[in-house]
Amino acid sequence: MGTEYEYPKSKFSQQPHKVAIPPPQPFIKSLMNTVKETFFPDDPLRQFKNQPPSRKFVLGVQYVFPIFDWASSYNLSFFKSDIIAGITIASLAIPQGISYAKLANLPPILGLYSSFIPPLVYAMMGSSKDLAVGTVAVASLLIGSMLGAVVNANENPKLYLHLAFTATFFAGVFQASLGFLRLICTA
């Protein structure tokens, strides 16, 4: 009854471990490390190290076109689920694409193209199975107001359509460049 128990000292009660400051690196090496960390934070080229050229080619194709990576494990169960999901999304995307084309003062058929072409491209080049790709109202309103300030869609529809194609082409090139340089999240 009169004895007291003394708890053993924890390993955390000791003095903290000191970490040495790394030696200074040459400017070029430090700059290269910073550029690599900025543009390639996930180090996508890591998988290519110490691989034979034929394997590097296969890995490169799978990196650019992820469909070649996951297609071998695709089965009939996934196909059934994808058909149901495709019909469900199409019931929303088709009228939505037509209305967004009208917001931009473009022919409704372009809205239909924008409903099924981007998902087809993303099916080949995308890496996320849960991402929805398609038109958005803000982009349609922006294109419509930007082009409407330059040319009237009713007076000169051919020029308006050419300007719309040019604007979307350059937006796509700019976005693809940002994705290639890893400056935006592509999936």
Protein backbone atom coordinates (compact mmCIF):
# COMPACT_ATOMS: atom_id res chain seq x y z
CA MET A 1 0.00 0.00 0.00
CA GLY A 2 2.75 2.42 0.66
CA THR A 3 4.72 1.66 -2.52
CA GLU A 4 4.39 3.92 -5.53
CA TYR A 5 4.89 2.81 -9.10
CA GLU A 6 7.24 4.93 -11.18
CA TYR A 7 6.44 4.93 -14.90
CA PRO A 8 9.39 4.30 -17.21
CA LYS A 9 10.59 7.26 -19.19
CA SER A 10 9.19 7.44 -22.70
CA LYS A 11 11.48 7.45 -25.67
CA PHE A 12 9.77 10.71 -26.66
CA SER A 13 10.88 12.48 -23.51
CA GLN A 14 14.50 12.42 -24.66
CA GLN A 15 16.16 15.27 -26.46
CA PRO A 16 14.99 15.65 -30.07
CA HIS A 17 17.24 14.28 -32.75
CA LYS A 18 19.14 16.97 -34.57
CA VAL A 19 18.98 17.01 -38.36
CA ALA A 20 22.02 18.20 -40.25
CA ILE A 21 21.57 21.01 -42.75
CA PRO A 22 22.36 19.71 -46.23
CA PRO A 23 25.45 21.13 -47.88
CA PRO A 24 24.86 23.92 -50.40
CA GLN A 25 24.45 22.76 -54.00
CA PRO A 26 25.69 24.48 -57.13
CA PHE A 27 23.21 26.93 -58.60
CA ILE A 28 22.61 24.92 -61.80
CA LYS A 29 21.85 21.71 -59.88
CA SER A 30 19.51 23.57 -57.53
CA LEU A 31 17.77 25.24 -60.49
CA MET A 32 17.36 21.91 -62.31
CA ASN A 33 15.86 20.31 -59.18
CA THR A 34 13.43 23.21 -58.79
CA VAL A 35 12.37 23.07 -62.47
CA LYS A 36 11.92 19.28 -62.27
CA GLU A 37 9.81 19.60 -59.11
CA THR A 38 7.70 22.37 -60.69
CA PHE A 39 6.97 20.75 -64.04
CA PHE A 40 7.12 17.07 -63.07
CA PRO A 41 6.13 16.74 -59.40
CA ASP A 42 4.97 13.15 -59.90
CA ASP A 43 8.12 12.23 -61.87
CA PRO A 44 6.31 10.58 -64.79
CA LEU A 45 9.61 9.50 -66.34
CA ARG A 46 10.53 7.34 -63.32
CA GLN A 47 8.90 4.27 -64.88
CA PHE A 48 11.21 4.50 -67.93
CA LYS A 49 14.46 4.15 -65.98
CA ASN A 50 16.45 0.96 -66.52
CA GLN A 51 13.98 -0.40 -69.09
CA PRO A 52 14.86 -1.86 -72.50
CA PRO A 53 13.88 0.30 -75.52
CA SER A 54 10.92 -1.90 -76.48
CA ARG A 55 9.47 -1.64 -72.96
CA LYS A 56 10.09 2.14 -72.96
CA PHE A 57 8.06 2.38 -76.17
CA VAL A 58 5.16 0.39 -74.67
CA LEU A 59 5.25 2.49 -71.48
CA GLY A 60 5.31 5.68 -73.56
CA VAL A 61 2.26 4.64 -75.59
CA GLN A 62 0.44 3.67 -72.37
CA TYR A 63 1.38 7.01 -70.79
CA VAL A 64 -0.03 9.04 -73.72
CA PHE A 65 -2.98 6.71 -74.40
CA PRO A 66 -4.04 5.14 -71.06
CA ILE A 67 -6.61 2.98 -72.89
CA PHE A 68 -3.75 0.62 -73.79
CA ASP A 69 -3.01 0.22 -70.09
CA TRP A 70 -6.50 -0.65 -68.82
CA ALA A 71 -8.05 -2.24 -71.94
CA SER A 72 -6.55 -5.64 -71.16
CA SER A 73 -8.50 -5.83 -67.89
CA TYR A 74 -11.78 -4.56 -69.41
CA ASN A 75 -14.58 -7.13 -69.27
CA LEU A 76 -18.26 -7.61 -70.17
CA SER A 77 -19.41 -6.45 -66.73
CA PHE A 78 -17.66 -3.09 -67.25
CA PHE A 79 -19.17 -2.85 -70.74
CA LYS A 80 -22.71 -3.31 -69.42
CA SER A 81 -22.14 -0.66 -66.76
CA ASP A 82 -20.63 1.69 -69.34
CA ILE A 83 -23.62 1.26 -71.68
CA ILE A 84 -26.05 2.17 -68.89
CA ALA A 85 -23.90 5.12 -67.85
CA GLY A 86 -23.57 6.26 -71.48
CA ILE A 87 -27.32 6.22 -72.07
CA THR A 88 -27.91 8.08 -68.81
CA ILE A 89 -25.33 10.75 -69.56
CA ALA A 90 -26.47 11.08 -73.21
CA SER A 91 -30.03 11.82 -72.06
CA LEU A 92 -28.62 14.87 -70.30
CA ALA A 93 -25.68 15.80 -72.55
CA ILE A 94 -27.53 15.93 -75.88
CA PRO A 95 -30.12 18.60 -74.94
CA GLN A 96 -27.51 20.38 -72.84
CA GLY A 97 -25.08 20.54 -75.80
CA ILE A 98 -27.80 21.89 -78.12
CA SER A 99 -28.78 24.59 -75.63
CA TYR A 100 -25.14 25.57 -75.02
CA ALA A 101 -24.62 25.92 -78.78
CA LYS A 102 -27.62 28.28 -78.89
CA LEU A 103 -26.10 30.28 -76.00
CA ALA A 104 -23.01 30.84 -78.17
CA ASN A 105 -25.18 31.69 -81.25
CA LEU A 106 -23.89 28.57 -83.04
CA PRO A 107 -25.83 25.94 -85.02
CA PRO A 108 -27.36 23.22 -82.79
CA ILE A 109 -25.47 20.47 -84.65
CA LEU A 110 -22.23 21.84 -83.15
CA GLY A 111 -23.76 21.29 -79.73
CA LEU A 112 -24.33 17.65 -80.64
CA TYR A 113 -20.71 17.33 -81.76
CA SER A 114 -19.56 18.85 -78.49
CA SER A 115 -21.69 16.29 -76.63
CA PHE A 116 -20.00 13.19 -78.00
CA ILE A 117 -16.59 14.11 -79.48
CA PRO A 118 -14.87 15.21 -76.21
CA PRO A 119 -15.92 12.06 -74.30
CA LEU A 120 -14.67 9.88 -77.17
CA VAL A 121 -11.30 11.64 -77.14
CA TYR A 122 -11.14 11.41 -73.36
CA ALA A 123 -11.95 7.69 -73.49
CA MET A 124 -8.72 7.20 -75.47
CA MET A 125 -6.47 9.71 -73.73
CA GLY A 126 -7.98 10.18 -70.27
CA SER A 127 -6.89 8.46 -67.11
CA SER A 128 -9.89 8.91 -64.78
CA LYS A 129 -12.95 6.72 -65.13
CA ASP A 130 -15.02 9.04 -62.94
CA LEU A 131 -14.53 12.31 -64.83
CA ALA A 132 -17.33 13.83 -66.89
CA VAL A 133 -16.19 15.71 -70.00
CA GLY A 134 -18.32 18.03 -72.09
CA THR A 135 -19.51 21.55 -72.70
CA VAL A 136 -20.15 24.11 -69.99
CA ALA A 137 -22.43 27.12 -69.96
CA VAL A 138 -19.72 29.60 -68.99
CA ALA A 139 -17.57 28.74 -72.02
CA SER A 140 -20.60 29.02 -74.32
CA LEU A 141 -21.56 32.42 -72.92
CA LEU A 142 -17.95 33.59 -73.13
CA ILE A 143 -17.60 32.53 -76.79
CA GLY A 144 -20.96 34.10 -77.64
CA SER A 145 -20.16 37.44 -75.99
CA MET A 146 -16.57 37.54 -77.27
CA LEU A 147 -17.52 36.83 -80.88
CA GLY A 148 -20.68 38.95 -80.69
CA ALA A 149 -18.53 41.98 -79.97
CA VAL A 150 -16.65 41.43 -83.25
CA VAL A 151 -19.28 40.19 -85.70
CA ASN A 152 -23.05 39.78 -85.70
CA ALA A 153 -24.03 36.10 -85.99
CA ASN A 154 -27.20 36.93 -87.97
CA GLU A 155 -25.54 39.28 -90.49
CA ASN A 156 -22.44 37.20 -91.25
CA PRO A 157 -22.93 33.62 -89.98
CA LYS A 158 -20.04 32.16 -91.99
CA LEU A 159 -17.47 34.57 -90.49
CA TYR A 160 -18.98 34.03 -87.04
CA LEU A 161 -18.60 30.27 -87.42
CA HIS A 162 -15.01 30.58 -88.66
CA LEU A 163 -14.13 32.80 -85.71
CA ALA A 164 -15.74 30.31 -83.32
CA PHE A 165 -13.69 27.47 -84.80
CA THR A 166 -10.51 29.55 -84.61
CA ALA A 167 -11.14 30.55 -80.99
CA THR A 168 -11.87 26.98 -79.90
CA PHE A 169 -8.85 25.67 -81.83
CA PHE A 170 -6.47 28.05 -80.08
CA ALA A 171 -8.11 27.41 -76.70
CA GLY A 172 -7.55 23.68 -77.27
CA VAL A 173 -3.92 24.19 -78.31
CA PHE A 174 -3.32 26.38 -75.24
CA GLN A 175 -4.98 23.86 -72.90
CA ALA A 176 -3.11 20.92 -74.45
CA SER A 177 0.17 22.83 -74.02
CA LEU A 178 -0.59 23.50 -70.38
CA GLY A 179 -1.42 19.84 -69.87
CA PHE A 180 1.75 18.71 -71.63
CA LEU A 181 3.84 21.01 -69.41
CA ARG A 182 1.98 19.73 -66.33
CA LEU A 183 0.73 23.22 -65.45
CA ILE A 184 -2.88 22.06 -65.11
CA CYS A 185 -4.39 18.87 -63.80
CA THR A 186 -5.47 16.65 -66.74
CA ALA A 187 -6.67 13.87 -64.65
